[in-house]
Amino acid sequence: MIDTTNDLSPEDNFQLNVLLSQSIDAIRLNESKLILYAFMNEKEVSLKLSPNCHVDQYIKKIKECLSTRYLKSPAGYPVFLKRWTRTGEMKSDNIDNLLRIAEPEAIVAITHSDSITIRQANFAWWANPSTENAQQLLSNSNIAKSGLSTELSAFLLEFLPFETSSESILNTMDLLLSNNLISDQEKSFLWKKGKRKAVYLIGFLQLGSEYLLENSNQKNDPAHYARHCIDALNRFSDADSILSLYHSIPRFFNQLTDKPENLQSEEYTAAQLLKTVDPSSLNLFFARNNAVGSLLRKKLKVDTEKIIVHLKVFVKE
């Protein structure tokens, strides 16, 4: 028997001891419905909790029980994290134990681990499906190539229209597009959203000209890339969007200057200037300003107009 379960109601004390005596892969806890779920023997089982005290206090007791069982400490994940950070890495067996303590923050830590296996990634996703965890799991190249990537990408794509953070939108688009995890129809859907909301257009621009869908026969044409950069510079709405552009523009034009024979003299000069666009030049501005939308564009107009002048050298109209 597990000593800490003695503080639980008699029925939970019995059921939890029976459950934890078995080989469990992962545990999650629905605190609002007071249901504990365990994944074992390739199936999900549930345990309806019967609190004998205030719900918040009871949830804490349940987590202390799990922590004592799998981490050998009732203090739970934070104490274990301190031990882990001193080692510099999270070992595979530690991941297995953290999967069983029903702590969402522990799952977040697991998704960041370089040691995570595909099996553990599947259990982590079952335990805590969230945008942050899906993004982090897909940033692992092995997971991005696994069968789990289909479920992760579908989740991110479904919730993308409801995402309000430009940083998260850009991160999701990077993962979906660079790993080729979505269909041409879904890419077209995102491209059309870029006509209404600049951050989606910037999501394509951050990956390079070959990802731009419109006029596909001109993907490697600098005029095509420059035209869309001008559009984005006229419509960006927040710091994450403009910073992404300030990273993307010099990266593209730096590659362009590697083959000066393909450029006219004025284009080469413009490309040399565009590759010096520096995102760090905005650090001081954003340290002192939290403007968004049209006000932000107005405050940065002097800087963005200089970039647009050089971009227009490539636009043949």
Protein backbone atom coordinates (compact mmCIF):
# COMPACT_ATOMS: atom_id res chain seq x y z
CA MET A 1 0.00 0.00 0.00
CA ILE A 2 1.04 3.62 -0.59
CA ASP A 3 1.18 5.60 2.65
CA THR A 4 0.07 8.91 1.12
CA THR A 5 -3.22 7.43 -0.07
CA ASN A 6 -4.33 7.12 3.56
CA ASP A 7 -5.36 10.79 3.39
CA LEU A 8 -7.72 10.02 0.51
CA SER A 9 -11.30 8.82 0.69
CA PRO A 10 -11.58 5.04 1.29
CA GLU A 11 -12.82 4.29 -2.22
CA ASP A 12 -10.05 6.33 -3.87
CA ASN A 13 -7.47 4.88 -1.51
CA PHE A 14 -8.38 1.37 -2.66
CA GLN A 15 -8.80 2.12 -6.37
CA LEU A 16 -5.60 4.15 -6.63
CA ASN A 17 -3.53 1.48 -4.91
CA VAL A 18 -4.88 -1.14 -7.30
CA LEU A 19 -4.20 1.12 -10.28
CA LEU A 20 -0.68 2.12 -9.28
CA SER A 21 0.32 -1.48 -8.65
CA GLN A 22 0.13 -2.02 -12.40
CA SER A 23 2.43 -0.99 -15.22
CA ILE A 24 1.25 2.49 -16.27
CA ASP A 25 2.64 4.45 -19.21
CA ALA A 26 1.15 7.87 -18.45
CA ILE A 27 -1.38 9.60 -16.19
CA ARG A 28 -3.42 12.75 -16.65
CA LEU A 29 -5.89 14.45 -14.35
CA ASN A 30 -9.03 16.33 -15.32
CA GLU A 31 -9.26 18.62 -12.32
CA SER A 32 -12.62 20.15 -13.24
CA LYS A 33 -14.36 16.79 -13.67
CA LEU A 34 -12.30 15.06 -10.96
CA ILE A 35 -11.36 12.16 -13.20
CA LEU A 36 -7.93 10.52 -13.24
CA TYR A 37 -6.99 8.85 -16.53
CA ALA A 38 -4.23 6.29 -16.94
CA PHE A 39 -2.83 4.85 -20.16
CA MET A 40 -1.84 1.21 -19.74
CA ASN A 41 -1.82 -1.96 -21.82
CA GLU A 42 -2.45 0.15 -24.94
CA LYS A 43 -5.74 1.52 -23.62
CA GLU A 44 -7.09 4.33 -21.48
CA VAL A 45 -8.74 3.67 -18.13
CA SER A 46 -10.43 6.21 -15.85
CA LEU A 47 -11.01 6.63 -12.16
CA LYS A 48 -13.74 8.98 -10.88
CA LEU A 49 -12.46 10.66 -7.74
CA SER A 50 -14.52 11.06 -4.57
CA PRO A 51 -13.03 13.95 -2.54
CA ASN A 52 -13.22 13.90 1.25
CA CYS A 53 -12.19 17.58 1.55
CA HIS A 54 -12.06 20.78 -0.52
CA VAL A 55 -11.46 19.96 -4.19
CA ASP A 56 -8.23 21.96 -4.52
CA GLN A 57 -6.81 20.34 -1.41
CA TYR A 58 -7.83 16.92 -2.66
CA ILE A 59 -6.20 17.43 -6.06
CA LYS A 60 -3.02 18.32 -4.20
CA LYS A 61 -3.27 15.09 -2.21
CA ILE A 62 -3.67 13.05 -5.41
CA LYS A 63 -0.60 14.68 -6.96
CA GLU A 64 1.40 14.12 -3.77
CA CYS A 65 0.45 10.47 -3.92
CA LEU A 66 1.61 10.16 -7.55
CA SER A 67 4.77 12.10 -6.87
CA THR A 68 5.67 9.93 -3.89
CA ARG A 69 5.08 6.82 -5.95
CA TYR A 70 7.09 7.83 -9.01
CA LEU A 71 9.52 10.55 -7.87
CA LYS A 72 10.04 9.34 -4.30
CA SER A 73 9.09 12.80 -3.04
CA PRO A 74 5.66 14.27 -2.18
CA ALA A 75 6.95 17.73 -3.16
CA GLY A 76 6.38 16.82 -6.80
CA TYR A 77 7.77 18.12 -10.05
CA PRO A 78 9.44 21.42 -9.01
CA VAL A 79 11.84 19.64 -6.61
CA PHE A 80 12.56 17.00 -9.20
CA LEU A 81 13.24 19.70 -11.79
CA LYS A 82 15.95 21.23 -9.61
CA ARG A 83 17.69 17.88 -9.46
CA TRP A 84 17.38 17.46 -13.22
CA THR A 85 18.72 20.91 -14.09
CA ARG A 86 21.90 20.18 -12.14
CA THR A 87 22.55 17.14 -14.35
CA GLY A 88 22.12 19.14 -17.54
CA GLU A 89 19.77 16.69 -19.23
CA MET A 90 16.64 14.64 -18.72
CA LYS A 91 17.27 10.91 -18.96
CA SER A 92 14.80 8.55 -20.59
CA ASP A 93 13.85 6.80 -17.33
CA ASN A 94 13.18 10.18 -15.71
CA ILE A 95 10.84 11.00 -18.58
CA ASP A 96 8.91 7.78 -17.93
CA ASN A 97 8.37 8.76 -14.29
CA LEU A 98 7.38 12.33 -15.10
CA LEU A 99 4.73 11.01 -17.49
CA ARG A 100 2.98 9.43 -14.51
CA ILE A 101 2.59 12.33 -12.07
CA ALA A 102 -0.31 14.15 -13.80
CA GLU A 103 1.56 17.46 -13.82
CA PRO A 104 1.14 19.58 -17.01
CA GLU A 105 4.39 21.48 -16.40
CA ALA A 106 6.27 18.19 -16.25
CA ILE A 107 4.90 17.31 -19.69
CA VAL A 108 6.14 20.65 -21.01
CA ALA A 109 9.62 19.79 -19.74
CA ILE A 110 9.40 16.36 -21.38
CA THR A 111 8.60 17.85 -24.78
CA HIS A 112 11.77 19.96 -24.53
CA SER A 113 13.99 16.97 -23.80
CA ASP A 114 16.51 15.87 -26.43
CA SER A 115 16.23 12.35 -25.02
CA ILE A 116 12.53 11.93 -25.73
CA THR A 117 11.59 8.85 -27.75
CA ILE A 118 8.70 8.53 -30.19
CA ARG A 119 6.91 6.30 -27.68
CA GLN A 120 7.32 8.88 -24.91
CA ALA A 121 6.26 11.67 -27.25
CA ASN A 122 2.98 9.86 -27.92
CA PHE A 123 2.31 9.49 -24.20
CA ALA A 124 3.24 13.13 -23.54
CA TRP A 125 0.81 14.24 -26.23
CA TRP A 126 -1.92 12.05 -24.74
CA ALA A 127 -1.21 13.48 -21.30
CA ASN A 128 -1.30 17.16 -22.26
CA PRO A 129 -2.36 18.11 -25.81
CA SER A 130 -1.69 21.83 -26.22
CA THR A 131 -0.39 24.21 -28.87
CA GLU A 132 2.88 24.75 -27.00
CA ASN A 133 3.51 21.03 -26.64
CA ALA A 134 2.58 20.28 -30.25
CA GLN A 135 5.00 22.95 -31.47
CA GLN A 136 7.80 21.73 -29.26
CA LEU A 137 7.32 18.09 -30.24
CA LEU A 138 7.32 18.96 -33.95
CA SER A 139 10.53 20.91 -33.51
CA ASN A 140 12.16 17.53 -32.85
CA SER A 141 13.19 16.25 -36.30
CA ASN A 142 12.58 12.59 -35.37
CA ILE A 143 9.07 13.30 -34.17
CA ALA A 144 8.36 15.49 -37.21
CA LYS A 145 9.11 12.42 -39.37
CA SER A 146 7.04 10.04 -37.26
CA GLY A 147 3.41 9.04 -37.49
CA LEU A 148 2.62 11.33 -34.55
CA SER A 149 3.37 14.37 -36.73
CA THR A 150 0.09 13.88 -38.59
CA GLU A 151 -1.93 14.29 -35.40
CA LEU A 152 0.21 17.16 -34.15
CA SER A 153 -0.01 19.11 -37.41
CA ALA A 154 -3.77 18.55 -37.66
CA PHE A 155 -4.17 19.94 -34.14
CA LEU A 156 -2.05 23.03 -34.88
CA LEU A 157 -3.83 23.69 -38.15
CA GLU A 158 -7.26 23.36 -36.55
CA PHE A 159 -6.50 25.84 -33.78
CA LEU A 160 -4.41 28.24 -35.88
CA PRO A 161 -7.40 30.50 -36.80
CA PHE A 162 -8.03 31.06 -33.08
CA GLU A 163 -4.40 31.88 -32.26
CA THR A 164 -3.87 35.52 -31.25
CA SER A 165 -0.10 35.47 -30.75
CA SER A 166 1.87 36.35 -33.88
CA GLU A 167 4.89 34.55 -32.46
CA SER A 168 2.88 31.35 -32.13
CA ILE A 169 1.35 31.73 -35.61
CA LEU A 170 4.79 32.20 -37.17
CA ASN A 171 6.19 29.24 -35.24
CA THR A 172 3.31 26.99 -36.28
CA MET A 173 3.61 27.98 -39.94
CA ASP A 174 7.35 27.37 -39.86
CA LEU A 175 6.83 23.85 -38.51
CA LEU A 176 3.97 22.96 -40.85
CA LEU A 177 5.54 24.33 -44.02
CA SER A 178 9.20 23.47 -43.52
CA ASN A 179 8.34 19.86 -42.62
CA ASN A 180 5.80 19.65 -45.45
CA LEU A 181 3.13 18.43 -43.05
CA ILE A 182 0.07 19.94 -44.74
CA SER A 183 -1.59 19.49 -48.13
CA ASP A 184 -1.46 21.93 -51.05
CA GLN A 185 -5.08 22.84 -50.30
CA GLU A 186 -4.20 23.68 -46.71
CA LYS A 187 -1.21 25.73 -47.84
CA SER A 188 -3.51 27.62 -50.19
CA PHE A 189 -5.87 28.29 -47.30
CA LEU A 190 -3.03 29.82 -45.27
CA TRP A 191 -1.85 31.83 -48.27
CA LYS A 192 -5.31 33.34 -48.72
CA LYS A 193 -5.37 34.27 -45.04
CA GLY A 194 -2.18 36.21 -45.73
CA LYS A 195 -4.13 38.56 -47.97
CA ARG A 196 -6.23 39.58 -44.99
CA LYS A 197 -3.75 39.23 -42.14
CA ALA A 198 -0.10 40.08 -42.77
CA VAL A 199 1.34 37.68 -40.19
CA TYR A 200 0.32 34.73 -42.39
CA LEU A 201 2.11 36.25 -45.39
CA ILE A 202 5.15 36.82 -43.17
CA GLY A 203 4.92 33.16 -42.18
CA PHE A 204 5.65 32.26 -45.81
CA LEU A 205 8.28 34.97 -46.27
CA GLN A 206 10.27 33.76 -43.26
CA LEU A 207 10.92 30.48 -45.07
CA GLY A 208 12.12 31.98 -48.33
CA SER A 209 10.90 32.69 -51.84
CA GLU A 210 10.37 29.01 -52.72
CA TYR A 211 7.46 28.85 -50.27
CA LEU A 212 5.50 31.69 -51.84
CA LEU A 213 2.51 30.18 -53.61
CA GLU A 214 1.34 32.91 -55.95
CA ASN A 215 2.93 32.92 -59.42
CA SER A 216 4.69 29.64 -58.72
CA ASN A 217 6.79 29.95 -61.88
CA GLN A 218 8.39 33.06 -60.35
CA LYS A 219 9.23 31.63 -56.92
CA ASN A 220 12.94 32.29 -57.26
CA ASP A 221 12.43 35.69 -58.84
CA PRO A 222 13.62 38.43 -56.43
CA ALA A 223 10.91 40.70 -57.80
CA HIS A 224 8.29 38.25 -56.56
CA TYR A 225 9.81 38.10 -53.09
CA ALA A 226 10.38 41.87 -52.92
CA ARG A 227 6.79 42.61 -53.90
CA HIS A 228 5.42 40.52 -51.04
CA CYS A 229 7.93 42.00 -48.59
CA ILE A 230 6.68 45.49 -49.49
CA ASP A 231 3.11 44.31 -48.89
CA ALA A 232 4.07 42.88 -45.50
CA LEU A 233 6.00 46.02 -44.48
CA ASN A 234 2.89 48.05 -45.20
CA ARG A 235 0.60 45.79 -43.15
CA PHE A 236 2.54 44.29 -40.19
CA SER A 237 0.81 44.84 -36.86
CA ASP A 238 3.14 43.90 -34.01
CA ALA A 239 6.71 43.41 -32.86
CA ASP A 240 6.93 39.70 -33.66
CA SER A 241 5.83 40.30 -37.25
CA ILE A 242 8.26 43.10 -38.04
CA LEU A 243 11.13 41.30 -36.30
CA SER A 244 10.46 38.23 -38.43
CA LEU A 245 10.64 40.40 -41.55
CA TYR A 246 13.88 41.98 -40.36
CA HIS A 247 15.33 38.46 -40.10
CA SER A 248 13.90 37.20 -43.39
CA ILE A 249 14.85 40.07 -45.71
CA PRO A 250 18.64 40.05 -45.13
CA ARG A 251 18.71 36.24 -45.27
CA PHE A 252 17.13 36.24 -48.74
CA PHE A 253 19.19 39.06 -50.20
CA ASN A 254 22.41 37.74 -48.73
CA GLN A 255 21.90 34.61 -50.82
CA LEU A 256 21.10 36.76 -53.83
CA THR A 257 24.45 38.57 -53.73
CA ASP A 258 26.28 35.24 -53.92
CA LYS A 259 25.57 35.31 -57.66
CA PRO A 260 26.10 38.95 -58.66
CA GLU A 261 26.20 38.00 -62.35
CA ASN A 262 22.44 37.46 -62.18
CA LEU A 263 21.82 41.02 -61.00
CA GLN A 264 21.88 44.38 -62.65
CA SER A 265 24.19 46.91 -61.02
CA GLU A 266 21.41 48.80 -59.24
CA GLU A 267 19.90 45.50 -58.06
CA TYR A 268 23.24 44.36 -56.68
CA THR A 269 23.63 47.64 -54.80
CA ALA A 270 20.11 47.36 -53.40
CA ALA A 271 20.69 43.74 -52.38
CA GLN A 272 23.89 44.72 -50.57
CA LEU A 273 21.95 47.29 -48.58
CA LEU A 274 19.02 44.97 -47.88
CA LYS A 275 21.24 42.26 -46.47
CA THR A 276 22.35 44.71 -43.78
CA VAL A 277 18.81 45.00 -42.35
CA ASP A 278 19.37 44.22 -38.68
CA PRO A 279 16.59 43.06 -36.30
CA SER A 280 18.72 44.10 -33.31
CA SER A 281 18.35 47.70 -34.48
CA LEU A 282 14.76 47.52 -33.17
CA ASN A 283 15.70 46.36 -29.67
CA LEU A 284 15.88 49.82 -28.14
CA PHE A 285 12.65 50.86 -29.83
CA PHE A 286 10.67 47.93 -28.47
CA ALA A 287 12.24 48.36 -25.04
CA ARG A 288 10.48 51.70 -24.89
CA ASN A 289 7.36 51.15 -27.02
CA ASN A 290 4.46 48.72 -26.93
CA ALA A 291 2.53 50.20 -29.85
CA VAL A 292 0.67 47.89 -32.23
CA GLY A 293 -1.23 48.20 -35.50
CA SER A 294 -1.25 51.44 -37.43
CA LEU A 295 0.43 53.32 -34.59
CA LEU A 296 3.38 50.93 -34.68
CA ARG A 297 3.65 51.23 -38.46
CA LYS A 298 3.62 55.02 -38.12
CA LYS A 299 6.37 55.01 -35.51
CA LEU A 300 8.58 52.76 -37.66
CA LYS A 301 7.71 54.33 -41.00
CA VAL A 302 11.06 56.12 -41.42
CA ASP A 303 12.90 52.80 -41.08
CA THR A 304 10.52 50.66 -43.13
CA GLU A 305 10.30 53.24 -45.94
CA LYS A 306 14.08 53.03 -46.39
CA ILE A 307 13.78 49.27 -46.82
CA ILE A 308 10.84 49.62 -49.21
CA VAL A 309 12.84 52.01 -51.42
CA HIS A 310 15.51 49.33 -51.90
CA LEU A 311 12.93 46.58 -52.41
CA LYS A 312 11.26 48.58 -55.17
CA VAL A 313 14.46 48.37 -57.22
CA PHE A 314 13.55 44.73 -57.89
CA VAL A 315 9.88 45.29 -58.66
CA LYS A 316 9.39 45.62 -62.39
CA GLU A 317 5.98 47.10 -63.14
